[in-house]
Amino acid sequence: RLKPSAPTRILLLTNLVGKGEVDEDLAEETAEEARKYGELDGKGCKVVEVANAPDNEAVRVFLAFKDVAGATKALDDMNGRYFGGRVVRAQYFAVE
């Protein structure tokens, strides 16, 4: 579920890296960066690669913050940031 009407404590980052560019350090390095904005919960950072998605959406990085305030700070700073020649897209992800 994308684009919930209200902020959530889960962020979805896309266009951080492209298909086939995920390495073993991506989750930990992204979590380390995210901790600058707030504490992550036990799920922390999860990287999912979607096979049939366009390159800019194929690698999805989920950040689970302990509260909405941390997610909001991260979204404000990370959305539109350049990383490795790409423009990162950050958005809230609905919590089920």
Protein backbone atom coordinates (compact mmCIF):
# COMPACT_ATOMS: atom_id res chain seq x y z
CA ARG A 1 0.00 0.00 0.00
CA LEU A 2 1.43 3.29 -1.07
CA LYS A 3 0.58 6.90 -0.33
CA PRO A 4 -1.42 6.63 2.88
CA SER A 5 -3.32 9.79 3.74
CA ALA A 6 -1.42 10.30 7.01
CA PRO A 7 2.25 9.86 7.92
CA THR A 8 3.26 6.42 9.20
CA ARG A 9 6.35 5.13 10.99
CA ILE A 10 7.35 3.03 7.93
CA LEU A 11 9.20 4.61 5.01
CA LEU A 12 9.63 3.11 1.57
CA LEU A 13 12.71 4.22 -0.36
CA THR A 14 12.96 3.55 -4.09
CA ASN A 15 15.58 4.42 -6.72
CA LEU A 16 18.37 4.10 -4.12
CA VAL A 17 20.00 1.45 -6.32
CA GLY A 18 18.91 -0.36 -9.46
CA LYS A 19 18.28 -3.98 -10.39
CA GLY A 20 21.23 -6.22 -9.60
CA GLU A 21 22.99 -3.53 -7.52
CA VAL A 22 21.98 -4.81 -4.06
CA ASP A 23 24.98 -5.87 -1.97
CA GLU A 24 25.26 -7.33 1.52
CA ASP A 25 25.98 -3.89 3.02
CA LEU A 26 22.99 -1.98 1.63
CA ALA A 27 20.55 -2.72 4.48
CA GLU A 28 23.03 -1.93 7.27
CA GLU A 29 24.38 1.20 5.59
CA THR A 30 20.85 2.49 4.95
CA ALA A 31 19.81 1.70 8.54
CA GLU A 32 22.88 3.55 9.83
CA GLU A 33 21.92 6.62 7.79
CA ALA A 34 18.29 6.35 8.95
CA ARG A 35 19.30 6.32 12.62
CA LYS A 36 20.35 9.95 12.20
CA TYR A 37 16.63 10.80 12.09
CA GLY A 38 15.27 8.51 14.81
CA GLU A 39 15.41 5.09 16.38
CA LEU A 40 14.47 2.11 14.24
CA ASP A 41 12.28 -0.64 15.63
CA GLY A 42 13.25 -4.33 15.75
CA LYS A 43 12.54 -4.75 12.02
CA GLY A 44 14.98 -1.98 11.18
CA CYS A 45 15.72 -2.00 7.47
CA LYS A 46 14.55 -4.56 4.92
CA VAL A 47 15.60 -4.65 1.26
CA VAL A 48 13.29 -6.30 -1.28
CA GLU A 49 14.10 -6.72 -4.97
CA VAL A 50 11.02 -6.97 -7.23
CA ALA A 51 11.75 -8.90 -10.40
CA ASN A 52 9.29 -7.38 -12.89
CA ALA A 53 9.31 -3.78 -11.66
CA PRO A 54 10.89 -0.87 -13.56
CA ASP A 55 14.54 -0.24 -12.62
CA ASN A 56 13.73 2.85 -10.52
CA GLU A 57 11.23 0.82 -8.43
CA ALA A 58 12.83 -2.64 -8.50
CA VAL A 59 14.76 -2.30 -5.25
CA ARG A 60 12.53 -1.31 -2.34
CA VAL A 61 14.05 -0.39 0.98
CA PHE A 62 11.71 -0.35 3.96
CA LEU A 63 12.70 1.56 7.11
CA ALA A 64 10.70 0.85 10.26
CA PHE A 65 11.02 3.68 12.76
CA LYS A 66 9.80 3.47 16.37
CA ASP A 67 7.71 6.58 15.84
CA VAL A 68 6.24 8.79 13.12
CA ALA A 69 8.51 11.71 14.07
CA GLY A 70 11.64 9.81 13.01
CA ALA A 71 10.03 8.70 9.76
CA THR A 72 8.94 12.26 9.02
CA LYS A 73 12.44 13.66 9.57
CA ALA A 74 13.90 10.94 7.34
CA LEU A 75 11.35 11.53 4.59
CA ASP A 76 11.96 15.28 4.63
CA ASP A 77 15.72 14.79 4.23
CA MET A 78 15.94 11.67 2.06
CA ASN A 79 13.22 12.35 -0.51
CA GLY A 80 14.86 13.90 -3.57
CA ARG A 81 18.40 13.29 -2.29
CA TYR A 82 20.99 12.27 -4.86
CA PHE A 83 22.67 8.93 -4.17
CA GLY A 84 25.02 7.29 -6.65
CA GLY A 85 23.69 9.40 -9.53
CA ARG A 86 20.06 8.58 -8.69
CA VAL A 87 17.32 10.68 -7.11
CA VAL A 88 15.94 8.80 -4.12
CA ARG A 89 12.18 8.69 -3.64
CA ALA A 90 10.91 8.37 -0.08
CA GLN A 91 7.27 7.87 0.84
CA TYR A 92 5.22 6.68 3.78
CA PHE A 93 4.11 3.06 3.69
CA ALA A 94 0.83 1.98 5.27
CA VAL A 95 1.18 -0.23 8.33
CA GLU A 96 -1.16 -3.23 8.45
